[in-house]
PDB file of N, CA and C in Angstrom:
ATOM      1  N   UNK A   1     -12.747 -34.642  44.889  1.00  0.00           N
ATOM      2  CA  UNK A   1     -12.612 -33.199  44.820  1.00  0.00           C
ATOM      3  C   UNK A   1     -13.462 -32.592  45.937  1.00  0.00           C
ATOM      4  N   UNK A   2     -12.949 -31.570  46.583  1.00  0.00           N
ATOM      5  CA  UNK A   2     -13.681 -30.891  47.655  1.00  0.00           C
ATOM      6  C   UNK A   2     -14.868 -30.129  47.087  1.00  0.00           C
ATOM      7  N   UNK A   3     -15.923 -30.075  47.876  1.00  0.00           N
ATOM      8  CA  UNK A   3     -17.115 -29.332  47.464  1.00  0.00           C
ATOM      9  C   UNK A   3     -17.246 -28.124  48.373  1.00  0.00           C
ATOM     10  N   UNK A   4     -17.734 -27.018  47.827  1.00  0.00           N
ATOM     11  CA  UNK A   4     -17.941 -25.798  48.604  1.00  0.00           C
ATOM     12  C   UNK A   4     -19.197 -25.106  48.110  1.00  0.00           C
ATOM     13  N   UNK A   5     -19.855 -24.460  49.030  1.00  0.00           N
ATOM     14  CA  UNK A   5     -21.030 -23.667  48.674  1.00  0.00           C
ATOM     15  C   UNK A   5     -20.644 -22.205  48.807  1.00  0.00           C
ATOM     16  N   UNK A   6     -20.840 -21.430  47.746  1.00  0.00           N
ATOM     17  CA  UNK A   6     -20.472 -20.016  47.780  1.00  0.00           C
ATOM     18  C   UNK A   6     -21.642 -19.161  47.311  1.00  0.00           C
ATOM     19  N   UNK A   7     -21.647 -17.921  47.766  1.00  0.00           N
ATOM     20  CA  UNK A   7     -22.648 -16.952  47.303  1.00  0.00           C
ATOM     21  C   UNK A   7     -22.011 -16.078  46.239  1.00  0.00           C
ATOM     22  N   UNK A   8     -22.750 -15.824  45.176  1.00  0.00           N
ATOM     23  CA  UNK A   8     -22.244 -15.033  44.054  1.00  0.00           C
ATOM     24  C   UNK A   8     -23.254 -13.932  43.762  1.00  0.00           C
ATOM     25  N   UNK A   9     -22.748 -12.733  43.527  1.00  0.00           N
ATOM     26  CA  UNK A   9     -23.638 -11.617  43.213  1.00  0.00           C
ATOM     27  C   UNK A   9     -24.322 -11.863  41.871  1.00  0.00           C
ATOM     28  N   UNK A  10     -25.488 -11.283  41.665  1.00  0.00           N
ATOM     29  CA  UNK A  10     -26.182 -11.478  40.379  1.00  0.00           C
ATOM     30  C   UNK A  10     -25.340 -11.116  39.149  1.00  0.00           C
ATOM     31  N   UNK A  11     -24.597  -9.989  39.158  1.00  0.00           N
ATOM     32  CA  UNK A  11     -23.781  -9.701  37.965  1.00  0.00           C
ATOM     33  C   UNK A  11     -22.705 -10.768  37.720  1.00  0.00           C
ATOM     34  N   UNK A  12     -22.080 -11.249  38.793  1.00  0.00           N
ATOM     35  CA  UNK A  12     -21.063 -12.285  38.623  1.00  0.00           C
ATOM     36  C   UNK A  12     -21.682 -13.601  38.172  1.00  0.00           C
ATOM     37  N   UNK A  13     -22.865 -13.906  38.696  1.00  0.00           N
ATOM     38  CA  UNK A  13     -23.564 -15.116  38.279  1.00  0.00           C
ATOM     39  C   UNK A  13     -23.911 -15.046  36.790  1.00  0.00           C
ATOM     40  N   UNK A  14     -24.367 -13.888  36.345  1.00  0.00           N
ATOM     41  CA  UNK A  14     -24.695 -13.715  34.925  1.00  0.00           C
ATOM     42  C   UNK A  14     -23.445 -13.880  34.064  1.00  0.00           C
ATOM     43  N   UNK A  15     -22.321 -13.347  34.540  1.00  0.00           N
ATOM     44  CA  UNK A  15     -21.066 -13.473  33.790  1.00  0.00           C
ATOM     45  C   UNK A  15     -20.648 -14.938  33.702  1.00  0.00           C
ATOM     46  N   UNK A  16     -20.729 -15.651  34.820  1.00  0.00           N
ATOM     47  CA  UNK A  16     -20.391 -17.077  34.819  1.00  0.00           C
ATOM     48  C   UNK A  16     -21.285 -17.823  33.830  1.00  0.00           C
ATOM     49  N   UNK A  17     -22.571 -17.535  33.873  1.00  0.00           N
ATOM     50  CA  UNK A  17     -23.504 -18.204  32.963  1.00  0.00           C
ATOM     51  C   UNK A  17     -23.182 -17.883  31.507  1.00  0.00           C
ATOM     52  N   UNK A  18     -22.740 -16.659  31.244  1.00  0.00           N
ATOM     53  CA  UNK A  18     -22.387 -16.298  29.863  1.00  0.00           C
ATOM     54  C   UNK A  18     -21.187 -17.103  29.374  1.00  0.00           C
ATOM     55  N   UNK A  19     -20.252 -17.435  30.266  1.00  0.00           N
ATOM     56  CA  UNK A  19     -19.096 -18.254  29.892  1.00  0.00           C
ATOM     57  C   UNK A  19     -19.548 -19.678  29.556  1.00  0.00           C
ATOM     58  N   UNK A  20     -20.541 -20.151  30.296  1.00  0.00           N
ATOM     59  CA  UNK A  20     -21.082 -21.487  30.027  1.00  0.00           C
ATOM     60  C   UNK A  20     -21.884 -21.473  28.729  1.00  0.00           C
ATOM     61  N   UNK A  21     -22.718 -20.446  28.553  1.00  0.00           N
ATOM     62  CA  UNK A  21     -23.537 -20.330  27.340  1.00  0.00           C
ATOM     63  C   UNK A  21     -22.683 -20.223  26.078  1.00  0.00           C
ATOM     64  N   UNK A  22     -21.516 -19.614  26.207  1.00  0.00           N
ATOM     65  CA  UNK A  22     -20.621 -19.476  25.051  1.00  0.00           C
ATOM     66  C   UNK A  22     -19.860 -20.771  24.769  1.00  0.00           C
ATOM     67  N   UNK A  23     -20.088 -21.770  25.628  1.00  0.00           N
ATOM     68  CA  UNK A  23     -19.436 -23.074  25.527  1.00  0.00           C
ATOM     69  C   UNK A  23     -17.937 -23.007  25.770  1.00  0.00           C
ATOM     70  N   UNK A  24     -17.494 -21.907  26.385  1.00  0.00           N
ATOM     71  CA  UNK A  24     -16.093 -21.808  26.792  1.00  0.00           C
ATOM     72  C   UNK A  24     -15.841 -22.772  27.954  1.00  0.00           C
ATOM     73  N   UNK A  25     -16.849 -22.940  28.797  1.00  0.00           N
ATOM     74  CA  UNK A  25     -16.807 -23.860  29.934  1.00  0.00           C
ATOM     75  C   UNK A  25     -18.097 -24.667  29.936  1.00  0.00           C
ATOM     76  N   UNK A  26     -18.050 -25.831  30.563  1.00  0.00           N
ATOM     77  CA  UNK A  26     -19.258 -26.659  30.595  1.00  0.00           C
ATOM     78  C   UNK A  26     -19.984 -26.609  31.934  1.00  0.00           C
ATOM     79  N   UNK A  27     -19.360 -25.978  32.947  1.00  0.00           N
ATOM     80  CA  UNK A  27     -20.018 -25.918  34.256  1.00  0.00           C
ATOM     81  C   UNK A  27     -19.520 -24.719  35.055  1.00  0.00           C
ATOM     82  N   UNK A  28     -20.274 -24.383  36.082  1.00  0.00           N
ATOM     83  CA  UNK A  28     -19.878 -23.304  36.989  1.00  0.00           C
ATOM     84  C   UNK A  28     -18.563 -23.654  37.683  1.00  0.00           C
ATOM     85  N   UNK A  29     -18.419 -24.916  38.043  1.00  0.00           N
ATOM     86  CA  UNK A  29     -17.185 -25.351  38.710  1.00  0.00           C
ATOM     87  C   UNK A  29     -15.965 -25.104  37.836  1.00  0.00           C
ATOM     88  N   UNK A  30     -16.084 -25.379  36.547  1.00  0.00           N
ATOM     89  CA  UNK A  30     -14.960 -25.134  35.636  1.00  0.00           C
ATOM     90  C   UNK A  30     -14.600 -23.656  35.600  1.00  0.00           C
ATOM     91  N   UNK A  31     -15.601 -22.791  35.563  1.00  0.00           N
ATOM     92  CA  UNK A  31     -15.351 -21.347  35.522  1.00  0.00           C
ATOM     93  C   UNK A  31     -14.632 -20.914  36.794  1.00  0.00           C
ATOM     94  N   UNK A  32     -15.156 -21.326  37.936  1.00  0.00           N
ATOM     95  CA  UNK A  32     -14.573 -20.922  39.218  1.00  0.00           C
ATOM     96  C   UNK A  32     -13.159 -21.474  39.360  1.00  0.00           C
ATOM     97  N   UNK A  33     -12.947 -22.743  39.013  1.00  0.00           N
ATOM     98  CA  UNK A  33     -11.603 -23.316  39.108  1.00  0.00           C
ATOM     99  C   UNK A  33     -10.621 -22.620  38.177  1.00  0.00           C
ATOM    100  N   UNK A  34     -11.071 -22.228  36.996  1.00  0.00           N
ATOM    101  CA  UNK A  34     -10.201 -21.494  36.077  1.00  0.00           C
ATOM    102  C   UNK A  34      -9.816 -20.136  36.661  1.00  0.00           C
ATOM    103  N   UNK A  35     -10.779 -19.450  37.252  1.00  0.00           N
ATOM    104  CA  UNK A  35     -10.488 -18.159  37.885  1.00  0.00           C
ATOM    105  C   UNK A  35      -9.496 -18.318  39.027  1.00  0.00           C
ATOM    106  N   UNK A  36      -9.659 -19.370  39.820  1.00  0.00           N
ATOM    107  CA  UNK A  36      -8.735 -19.612  40.933  1.00  0.00           C
ATOM    108  C   UNK A  36      -7.341 -19.920  40.410  1.00  0.00           C
ATOM    109  N   UNK A  37      -7.237 -20.760  39.375  1.00  0.00           N
ATOM    110  CA  UNK A  37      -5.924 -21.066  38.786  1.00  0.00           C
ATOM    111  C   UNK A  37      -5.234 -19.796  38.309  1.00  0.00           C
ATOM    112  N   UNK A  38      -5.989 -18.941  37.625  1.00  0.00           N
ATOM    113  CA  UNK A  38      -5.408 -17.690  37.122  1.00  0.00           C
ATOM    114  C   UNK A  38      -4.982 -16.781  38.267  1.00  0.00           C
ATOM    115  N   UNK A  39      -5.783 -16.701  39.317  1.00  0.00           N
ATOM    116  CA  UNK A  39      -5.439 -15.862  40.467  1.00  0.00           C
ATOM    117  C   UNK A  39      -4.191 -16.399  41.165  1.00  0.00           C
ATOM    118  N   UNK A  40      -4.083 -17.714  41.284  1.00  0.00           N
ATOM    119  CA  UNK A  40      -2.902 -18.308  41.918  1.00  0.00           C
ATOM    120  C   UNK A  40      -1.649 -18.050  41.087  1.00  0.00           C
ATOM    121  N   UNK A  41      -1.761 -18.179  39.771  1.00  0.00           N
ATOM    122  CA  UNK A  41      -0.618 -17.913  38.893  1.00  0.00           C
ATOM    123  C   UNK A  41      -0.192 -16.454  39.015  1.00  0.00           C
ATOM    124  N   UNK A  42      -1.176 -15.555  39.006  1.00  0.00           N
ATOM    125  CA  UNK A  42      -0.877 -14.128  39.145  1.00  0.00           C
ATOM    126  C   UNK A  42      -0.197 -13.850  40.481  1.00  0.00           C
ATOM    127  N   UNK A  43      -0.675 -14.479  41.550  1.00  0.00           N
ATOM    128  CA  UNK A  43      -0.073 -14.282  42.863  1.00  0.00           C
ATOM    129  C   UNK A  43       1.364 -14.792  42.887  1.00  0.00           C
ATOM    130  N   UNK A  44       1.626 -15.933  42.250  1.00  0.00           N
ATOM    131  CA  UNK A  44       2.992 -16.458  42.160  1.00  0.00           C
ATOM    132  C   UNK A  44       3.901 -15.487  41.415  1.00  0.00           C
ATOM    133  N   UNK A  45       3.391 -14.900  40.330  1.00  0.00           N
ATOM    134  CA  UNK A  45       4.181 -13.938  39.557  1.00  0.00           C
ATOM    135  C   UNK A  45       4.467 -12.686  40.382  1.00  0.00           C
ATOM    136  N   UNK A  46       3.475 -12.221  41.123  1.00  0.00           N
ATOM    137  CA  UNK A  46       3.660 -11.045  41.981  1.00  0.00           C
ATOM    138  C   UNK A  46       4.711 -11.340  43.045  1.00  0.00           C
ATOM    139  N   UNK A  47       4.646 -12.517  43.635  1.00  0.00           N
ATOM    140  CA  UNK A  47       5.619 -12.890  44.665  1.00  0.00           C
ATOM    141  C   UNK A  47       7.030 -12.957  44.085  1.00  0.00           C
ATOM    142  N   UNK A  48       7.174 -13.479  42.868  1.00  0.00           N
ATOM    143  CA  UNK A  48       8.487 -13.537  42.225  1.00  0.00           C
ATOM    144  C   UNK A  48       9.032 -12.131  41.988  1.00  0.00           C
ATOM    145  N   UNK A  49       8.165 -11.214  41.590  1.00  0.00           N
ATOM    146  CA  UNK A  49       8.585  -9.824  41.382  1.00  0.00           C
ATOM    147  C   UNK A  49       8.997  -9.197  42.706  1.00  0.00           C
ATOM    148  N   UNK A  50       8.219  -9.442  43.755  1.00  0.00           N
ATOM    149  CA  UNK A  50       8.564  -8.896  45.076  1.00  0.00           C
ATOM    150  C   UNK A  50       9.923  -9.402  45.545  1.00  0.00           C
ATOM    151  N   UNK A  51      10.163 -10.702  45.362  1.00  0.00           N
ATOM    152  CA  UNK A  51      11.449 -11.266  45.766  1.00  0.00           C
ATOM    153  C   UNK A  51      12.596 -10.654  44.967  1.00  0.00           C
ATOM    154  N   UNK A  52      12.382 -10.468  43.662  1.00  0.00           N
ATOM    155  CA  UNK A  52      13.422  -9.859  42.825  1.00  0.00           C
ATOM    156  C   UNK A  52      13.685  -8.419  43.247  1.00  0.00           C
ATOM    157  N   UNK A  53      12.624  -7.687  43.573  1.00  0.00           N
ATOM    158  CA  UNK A  53      12.798  -6.306  44.032  1.00  0.00           C
ATOM    159  C   UNK A  53      13.553  -6.257  45.351  1.00  0.00           C
ATOM    160  N   UNK A  54      13.205  -7.146  46.272  1.00  0.00           N
ATOM    161  CA  UNK A  54      13.894  -7.196  47.559  1.00  0.00           C
ATOM    162  C   UNK A  54      15.364  -7.529  47.359  1.00  0.00           C
ATOM    163  N   UNK A  55      15.639  -8.516  46.510  1.00  0.00           N
ATOM    164  CA  UNK A  55      17.022  -8.895  46.223  1.00  0.00           C
ATOM    165  C   UNK A  55      17.784  -7.712  45.636  1.00  0.00           C
ATOM    166  N   UNK A  56      17.156  -7.003  44.711  1.00  0.00           N
ATOM    167  CA  UNK A  56      17.797  -5.839  44.102  1.00  0.00           C
ATOM    168  C   UNK A  56      18.063  -4.735  45.108  1.00  0.00           C
ATOM    169  N   UNK A  57      17.093  -4.482  45.977  1.00  0.00           N
ATOM    170  CA  UNK A  57      17.275  -3.442  46.996  1.00  0.00           C
ATOM    171  C   UNK A  57      18.381  -3.816  47.973  1.00  0.00           C
ATOM    172  N   UNK A  58      18.464  -5.094  48.325  1.00  0.00           N
ATOM    173  CA  UNK A  58      19.474  -5.538  49.281  1.00  0.00           C
ATOM    174  C   UNK A  58      20.870  -5.584  48.676  1.00  0.00           C
ATOM    175  N   UNK A  59      20.967  -5.630  47.351  1.00  0.00           N
ATOM    176  CA  UNK A  59      22.281  -5.713  46.709  1.00  0.00           C
ATOM    177  C   UNK A  59      23.001  -4.369  46.694  1.00  0.00           C
ATOM    178  N   UNK A  60      22.275  -3.307  46.985  1.00  0.00           N
ATOM    179  CA  UNK A  60      22.896  -1.989  47.047  1.00  0.00           C
ATOM    180  C   UNK A  60      22.938  -1.283  45.704  1.00  0.00           C
ATOM    181  N   UNK A  61      23.599  -0.143  45.698  1.00  0.00           N
ATOM    182  CA  UNK A  61      23.686   0.700  44.511  1.00  0.00           C
ATOM    183  C   UNK A  61      24.810   0.206  43.609  1.00  0.00           C
ATOM    184  N   UNK A  62      24.544   0.159  42.322  1.00  0.00           N
ATOM    185  CA  UNK A  62      25.532  -0.291  41.345  1.00  0.00           C
ATOM    186  C   UNK A  62      26.418   0.870  40.916  1.00  0.00           C
ATOM    187  N   UNK A  63      27.660   0.547  40.609  1.00  0.00           N
ATOM    188  CA  UNK A  63      28.590   1.545  40.069  1.00  0.00           C
ATOM    189  C   UNK A  63      28.521   1.593  38.548  1.00  0.00           C
ATOM    190  N   UNK A  64      27.728   0.682  37.949  1.00  0.00           N
ATOM    191  CA  UNK A  64      27.633   0.611  36.503  1.00  0.00           C
ATOM    192  C   UNK A  64      26.736   1.730  35.978  1.00  0.00           C
ATOM    193  N   UNK A  65      27.057   2.196  34.786  1.00  0.00           N
ATOM    194  CA  UNK A  65      26.216   3.207  34.140  1.00  0.00           C
ATOM    195  C   UNK A  65      25.063   2.511  33.423  1.00  0.00           C
ATOM    196  N   UNK A  66      24.084   3.297  33.019  1.00  0.00           N
ATOM    197  CA  UNK A  66      22.958   2.743  32.265  1.00  0.00           C
ATOM    198  C   UNK A  66      23.457   2.097  30.974  1.00  0.00           C
ATOM    199  N   UNK A  67      24.410   2.733  30.308  1.00  0.00           N
ATOM    200  CA  UNK A  67      24.970   2.167  29.073  1.00  0.00           C
ATOM    201  C   UNK A  67      25.659   0.834  29.344  1.00  0.00           C
ATOM    202  N   UNK A  68      26.387   0.724  30.468  1.00  0.00           N
ATOM    203  CA  UNK A  68      27.029  -0.545  30.829  1.00  0.00           C
ATOM    204  C   UNK A  68      25.990  -1.654  30.979  1.00  0.00           C
ATOM    205  N   UNK A  69      24.912  -1.334  31.642  1.00  0.00           N
ATOM    206  CA  UNK A  69      23.859  -2.324  31.888  1.00  0.00           C
ATOM    207  C   UNK A  69      23.198  -2.731  30.575  1.00  0.00           C
ATOM    208  N   UNK A  70      22.877  -1.759  29.740  1.00  0.00           N
ATOM    209  CA  UNK A  70      22.255  -2.047  28.439  1.00  0.00           C
ATOM    210  C   UNK A  70      23.174  -2.915  27.592  1.00  0.00           C
ATOM    211  N   UNK A  71      24.445  -2.560  27.526  1.00  0.00           N
ATOM    212  CA  UNK A  71      25.398  -3.341  26.732  1.00  0.00           C
ATOM    213  C   UNK A  71      25.545  -4.756  27.276  1.00  0.00           C
ATOM    214  N   UNK A  72      25.502  -4.907  28.579  1.00  0.00           N
ATOM    215  CA  UNK A  72      25.578  -6.229  29.196  1.00  0.00           C
ATOM    216  C   UNK A  72      24.376  -7.088  28.804  1.00  0.00           C
ATOM    217  N   UNK A  73      23.198  -6.498  28.810  1.00  0.00           N
ATOM    218  CA  UNK A  73      21.983  -7.223  28.422  1.00  0.00           C
ATOM    219  C   UNK A  73      22.059  -7.618  26.951  1.00  0.00           C
ATOM    220  N   UNK A  74      22.501  -6.706  26.108  1.00  0.00           N
ATOM    221  CA  UNK A  74      22.631  -6.997  24.672  1.00  0.00           C
ATOM    222  C   UNK A  74      23.604  -8.148  24.458  1.00  0.00           C
ATOM    223  N   UNK A  75      24.720  -8.124  25.154  1.00  0.00           N
ATOM    224  CA  UNK A  75      25.723  -9.181  25.022  1.00  0.00           C
ATOM    225  C   UNK A  75      25.172 -10.529  25.492  1.00  0.00           C
ATOM    226  N   UNK A  76      24.459 -10.538  26.602  1.00  0.00           N
ATOM    227  CA  UNK A  76      23.869 -11.785  27.103  1.00  0.00           C
ATOM    228  C   UNK A  76      22.856 -12.339  26.110  1.00  0.00           C
ATOM    229  N   UNK A  77      22.060 -11.466  25.506  1.00  0.00           N
ATOM    230  CA  UNK A  77      21.055 -11.916  24.535  1.00  0.00           C
ATOM    231  C   UNK A  77      21.732 -12.489  23.293  1.00  0.00           C
ATOM    232  N   UNK A  78      22.823 -11.876  22.870  1.00  0.00           N
ATOM    233  CA  UNK A  78      23.563 -12.403  21.714  1.00  0.00           C
ATOM    234  C   UNK A  78      24.087 -13.806  22.023  1.00  0.00           C
ATOM    235  N   UNK A  79      24.632 -13.967  23.212  1.00  0.00           N
ATOM    236  CA  UNK A  79      25.201 -15.258  23.603  1.00  0.00           C
ATOM    237  C   UNK A  79      24.127 -16.333  23.758  1.00  0.00           C
ATOM    238  N   UNK A  80      22.920 -15.920  24.106  1.00  0.00           N
ATOM    239  CA  UNK A  80      21.820 -16.874  24.281  1.00  0.00           C
ATOM    240  C   UNK A  80      21.032 -17.090  22.996  1.00  0.00           C
ATOM    241  N   UNK A  81      21.357 -16.343  21.955  1.00  0.00           N
ATOM    242  CA  UNK A  81      20.663 -16.490  20.684  1.00  0.00           C
ATOM    243  C   UNK A  81      19.269 -15.896  20.663  1.00  0.00           C
ATOM    244  N   UNK A  82      19.014 -14.921  21.532  1.00  0.00           N
ATOM    245  CA  UNK A  82      17.681 -14.293  21.559  1.00  0.00           C
ATOM    246  C   UNK A  82      17.749 -12.865  21.104  1.00  0.00           C
TER     247      UNK A  82
END
């Protein structure tokens, strides 16, 4: 595993220590790696939303009404059992 030396502000250091003291994590490395995993997941989700928005914008304006769209979603959910 790669090693890195980082500087942490006193409030952040205290927060990290509180996570260890609560036994949620056993080390500073675990806390930092968990934060990085969560940030990466969030970034992936944001990117997926951006791609969906771009796709929607590029598809142009729909001729369907709001009721048509709602009914279509309801029908799809019925067919999927959700």
